[in-house]
Amino acid sequence: MTDLSIQPAPLVPFQSDWIFWVFFGIFLLIAWIQVFYASRLRLIFRASFFTRDLHQLIREGNIFNQRISIAVSLLYVLILAMVILMTLQMVFDRTSFSISPIRLYFLLALVVTGFWALKAFIMNFLSVIFKTETINYEYQVNLFVTLAVLAILLLPVMVITVYLKMAWMIYFAFGLIVFFSVFRLFKGFLIGLSLTRFSYFLLFVYLCTLEILPLLVAAKLILTYF
């Protein structure tokens, strides 16, 4: 007789097919950057840690007018949205989501894009008011290269999290995010030291407002929604 008690195991939603195609697109994007902008990518890595290379990157022209900036920004958005999605799925019950994971993922990508677009607008607006366009551009380049390195470092962490189902790697991912946020804040303070007409205290408050306050607001909104 056939044992009717044997049932097929359900497919674990933690490893969805659409996630594979997202990772596939990310790796294609990295391959494209490596093929056409290998030397610029190496300079971006060095510029994230060394001031001399940061100044060299600035002297070579406006990086935000180059196609690599769009590719790197897209890379960061896709990976950070994946980090947030995996965190939400780990902390909250997946069945409590009112939308599907793929829709939630692309919604998070739009939120991340809007967050950085708004932040860039505020920074540019304040630089016009205080006449600090040069320093603001250097700070934004420093922000760009730091986020580029963070995105590439987060990629293998997320691959391990998804395909090896090591949920604890999420904590390592947030450790990287916190480390690079503090490091970026420190480098931003050093860049702002050239503004001798502002006190160090006002500079520190300004940087904290730009770097820390938006993250706290975003975290509060996410926790309130879910």
Protein backbone atom coordinates (compact mmCIF):
# COMPACT_ATOMS: atom_id res chain seq x y z
CA MET A 1 0.00 0.00 0.00
CA THR A 2 1.09 3.55 -0.66
CA ASP A 3 2.00 5.61 2.34
CA LEU A 4 -0.27 8.65 1.98
CA SER A 5 1.38 10.35 4.95
CA ILE A 6 4.39 11.33 2.86
CA GLN A 7 3.91 14.86 1.59
CA PRO A 8 6.22 17.01 -0.57
CA ALA A 9 8.18 19.64 1.29
CA PRO A 10 7.01 23.19 0.55
CA LEU A 11 9.31 25.50 -1.35
CA VAL A 12 11.11 27.83 1.02
CA PRO A 13 10.27 31.42 -0.04
CA PHE A 14 13.60 32.66 1.32
CA GLN A 15 15.22 31.66 -2.00
CA SER A 16 12.86 32.92 -4.69
CA ASP A 17 13.52 32.70 -8.42
CA TRP A 18 13.27 36.46 -8.87
CA ILE A 19 16.11 36.95 -6.38
CA PHE A 20 18.36 34.91 -8.65
CA TRP A 21 17.65 37.25 -11.56
CA VAL A 22 18.29 40.28 -9.38
CA PHE A 23 21.69 38.89 -8.40
CA PHE A 24 22.33 37.93 -12.03
CA GLY A 25 21.65 41.52 -13.08
CA ILE A 26 23.92 42.85 -10.34
CA PHE A 27 26.80 40.62 -11.42
CA LEU A 28 26.27 41.67 -15.04
CA LEU A 29 26.44 45.29 -13.94
CA ILE A 30 29.69 44.66 -12.06
CA ALA A 31 31.12 42.87 -15.10
CA TRP A 32 30.21 45.83 -17.31
CA ILE A 33 31.92 48.24 -14.91
CA GLN A 34 35.01 46.02 -14.74
CA VAL A 35 35.27 45.77 -18.53
CA PHE A 36 34.82 49.46 -19.38
CA TYR A 37 35.89 51.25 -16.19
CA ALA A 38 38.38 48.95 -14.48
CA SER A 39 40.96 51.66 -13.78
CA ARG A 40 38.30 54.10 -12.56
CA LEU A 41 36.83 51.43 -10.28
CA ARG A 42 40.25 50.81 -8.71
CA LEU A 43 40.63 54.56 -8.19
CA ILE A 44 37.22 54.68 -6.51
CA PHE A 45 38.30 51.95 -4.10
CA ARG A 46 41.47 53.81 -3.22
CA ALA A 47 39.67 57.15 -2.99
CA SER A 48 37.31 55.77 -0.36
CA PHE A 49 40.24 55.36 2.03
CA PHE A 50 42.98 57.77 0.91
CA THR A 51 42.57 61.54 0.54
CA ARG A 52 45.24 61.77 -2.16
CA ASP A 53 43.31 59.41 -4.44
CA LEU A 54 40.09 61.24 -3.63
CA HIS A 55 41.62 64.49 -4.86
CA GLN A 56 42.92 62.73 -7.96
CA LEU A 57 39.42 61.46 -8.71
CA ILE A 58 38.10 65.00 -8.36
CA ARG A 59 40.80 66.44 -10.64
CA GLU A 60 39.96 63.94 -13.40
CA GLY A 61 36.57 65.55 -13.96
CA ASN A 62 33.04 65.47 -12.63
CA ILE A 63 32.43 61.80 -11.95
CA PHE A 64 28.69 62.38 -11.67
CA ASN A 65 28.60 63.19 -15.38
CA GLN A 66 30.07 59.78 -16.26
CA ARG A 67 28.15 56.58 -16.92
CA ILE A 68 30.00 54.73 -14.18
CA SER A 69 28.27 56.90 -11.57
CA ILE A 70 24.86 55.72 -12.80
CA ALA A 71 25.99 52.07 -12.78
CA VAL A 72 27.50 52.29 -9.29
CA SER A 73 24.46 54.13 -7.92
CA LEU A 74 22.16 51.46 -9.36
CA LEU A 75 24.39 48.77 -7.86
CA TYR A 76 24.14 50.38 -4.42
CA VAL A 77 20.36 50.78 -4.63
CA LEU A 78 19.76 47.16 -5.67
CA ILE A 79 22.01 45.72 -2.96
CA LEU A 80 20.81 47.96 -0.14
CA ALA A 81 17.19 47.21 -1.02
CA MET A 82 18.04 43.50 -0.77
CA VAL A 83 19.61 44.06 2.66
CA ILE A 84 16.48 45.83 3.90
CA LEU A 85 14.19 43.16 2.44
CA MET A 86 16.11 40.28 4.03
CA THR A 87 16.10 42.15 7.34
CA LEU A 88 12.34 42.65 7.22
CA GLN A 89 11.80 39.00 6.35
CA MET A 90 14.02 37.92 9.22
CA VAL A 91 12.45 40.23 11.82
CA PHE A 92 8.80 40.05 10.76
CA ASP A 93 6.51 37.23 9.66
CA ARG A 94 6.53 37.07 5.86
CA THR A 95 2.84 36.23 5.77
CA SER A 96 2.06 39.58 7.42
CA PHE A 97 3.25 41.55 4.38
CA SER A 98 0.41 43.07 2.40
CA ILE A 99 2.40 42.92 -0.86
CA SER A 100 4.53 40.25 -2.48
CA PRO A 101 8.29 40.17 -1.74
CA ILE A 102 9.24 41.18 -5.27
CA ARG A 103 6.97 44.23 -5.18
CA LEU A 104 8.25 45.10 -1.74
CA TYR A 105 11.82 44.81 -3.00
CA PHE A 106 11.32 47.24 -5.87
CA LEU A 107 9.35 49.55 -3.59
CA LEU A 108 12.33 49.59 -1.22
CA ALA A 109 14.62 50.31 -4.18
CA LEU A 110 12.46 53.32 -5.06
CA VAL A 111 12.51 54.49 -1.44
CA VAL A 112 16.32 54.21 -1.30
CA THR A 113 16.61 56.13 -4.58
CA GLY A 114 14.26 58.85 -3.36
CA PHE A 115 16.10 59.08 -0.06
CA TRP A 116 19.48 59.75 -1.68
CA ALA A 117 18.00 62.05 -4.32
CA LEU A 118 16.39 64.16 -1.59
CA LYS A 119 19.59 64.15 0.41
CA ALA A 120 21.63 65.31 -2.61
CA PHE A 121 19.10 68.08 -3.27
CA ILE A 122 19.32 69.31 0.34
CA MET A 123 23.12 69.24 0.26
CA ASN A 124 23.25 71.19 -3.01
CA PHE A 125 20.67 73.67 -1.74
CA LEU A 126 22.60 74.32 1.47
CA SER A 127 25.88 74.65 -0.44
CA VAL A 128 24.35 77.45 -2.53
CA ILE A 129 23.06 79.25 0.55
CA PHE A 130 26.36 79.03 2.45
CA LYS A 131 28.50 79.34 -0.73
CA THR A 132 30.33 76.06 -0.12
CA GLU A 133 29.87 74.47 -3.56
CA THR A 134 33.49 73.28 -3.82
CA ILE A 135 33.53 71.63 -0.40
CA ASN A 136 30.08 70.18 -1.01
CA TYR A 137 31.22 68.57 -4.26
CA GLU A 138 34.24 67.03 -2.53
CA TYR A 139 31.99 65.73 0.23
CA GLN A 140 29.57 64.23 -2.29
CA VAL A 141 32.41 62.50 -4.15
CA ASN A 142 33.60 61.09 -0.82
CA LEU A 143 30.05 59.92 -0.15
CA PHE A 144 29.84 58.32 -3.60
CA VAL A 145 33.07 56.34 -3.36
CA THR A 146 32.26 55.13 0.16
CA LEU A 147 28.85 53.86 -0.90
CA ALA A 148 30.39 52.17 -3.96
CA VAL A 149 32.81 50.17 -1.82
CA LEU A 150 30.08 49.37 0.71
CA ALA A 151 27.81 48.01 -2.04
CA ILE A 152 30.47 45.68 -3.41
CA LEU A 153 31.32 44.41 0.07
CA LEU A 154 27.65 43.81 0.88
CA LEU A 155 27.09 41.73 -2.26
CA PRO A 156 28.82 38.50 -1.10
CA VAL A 157 27.22 38.92 2.32
CA MET A 158 23.76 38.95 0.76
CA VAL A 159 24.55 35.99 -1.51
CA ILE A 160 25.56 33.97 1.55
CA THR A 161 22.47 35.16 3.43
CA VAL A 162 20.08 34.11 0.65
CA TYR A 163 21.57 30.90 -0.71
CA LEU A 164 23.21 29.46 2.41
CA LYS A 165 20.33 30.68 4.57
CA MET A 166 22.68 32.21 7.14
CA ALA A 167 20.32 34.82 8.52
CA TRP A 168 22.89 35.93 11.08
CA MET A 169 24.91 37.43 8.21
CA ILE A 170 22.38 40.27 8.26
CA TYR A 171 24.06 41.46 11.45
CA PHE A 172 27.40 41.45 9.67
CA ALA A 173 25.85 43.48 6.84
CA PHE A 174 24.59 46.09 9.27
CA GLY A 175 27.99 46.10 10.94
CA LEU A 176 29.51 47.06 7.59
CA ILE A 177 26.88 49.77 7.09
CA VAL A 178 27.52 51.25 10.54
CA PHE A 179 31.30 51.11 10.07
CA PHE A 180 31.22 52.89 6.72
CA SER A 181 28.71 55.44 8.03
CA VAL A 182 31.02 56.36 10.90
CA PHE A 183 34.04 56.33 8.60
CA ARG A 184 32.22 58.57 6.10
CA LEU A 185 31.24 60.93 8.91
CA PHE A 186 34.86 61.14 10.05
CA LYS A 187 36.15 61.85 6.54
CA GLY A 188 33.39 64.41 6.03
CA PHE A 189 34.51 66.17 9.20
CA LEU A 190 38.07 66.31 7.89
CA ILE A 191 36.83 67.76 4.60
CA GLY A 192 34.81 70.36 6.48
CA LEU A 193 37.84 71.50 8.48
CA SER A 194 38.82 73.63 5.49
CA LEU A 195 35.76 75.78 6.21
CA THR A 196 37.47 78.04 8.71
CA ARG A 197 34.51 80.44 9.00
CA PHE A 198 32.37 77.77 10.70
CA SER A 199 32.94 76.41 14.18
CA TYR A 200 33.76 72.76 14.66
CA PHE A 201 30.59 72.32 16.69
CA LEU A 202 28.37 73.65 13.89
CA LEU A 203 30.23 71.44 11.43
CA PHE A 204 29.63 68.39 13.61
CA VAL A 205 25.92 69.20 13.98
CA TYR A 206 25.63 69.74 10.22
CA LEU A 207 27.20 66.36 9.42
CA CYS A 208 25.13 64.54 12.01
CA THR A 209 21.99 66.12 10.55
CA LEU A 210 22.93 64.91 7.07
CA GLU A 211 24.19 61.44 7.98
CA ILE A 212 22.47 60.25 11.14
CA LEU A 213 19.09 61.98 11.35
CA PRO A 214 17.82 60.73 7.94
CA LEU A 215 18.72 57.14 8.90
CA LEU A 216 16.82 57.42 12.17
CA VAL A 217 13.78 58.83 10.38
CA ALA A 218 13.90 56.07 7.74
CA ALA A 219 14.22 53.36 10.41
CA LYS A 220 11.28 54.84 12.32
CA LEU A 221 9.11 54.88 9.19
CA ILE A 222 9.95 51.27 8.34
CA LEU A 223 9.24 50.05 11.87
CA THR A 224 5.99 52.01 11.99
CA TYR A 225 4.80 50.61 8.66
CA PHE A 226 5.56 46.99 9.47
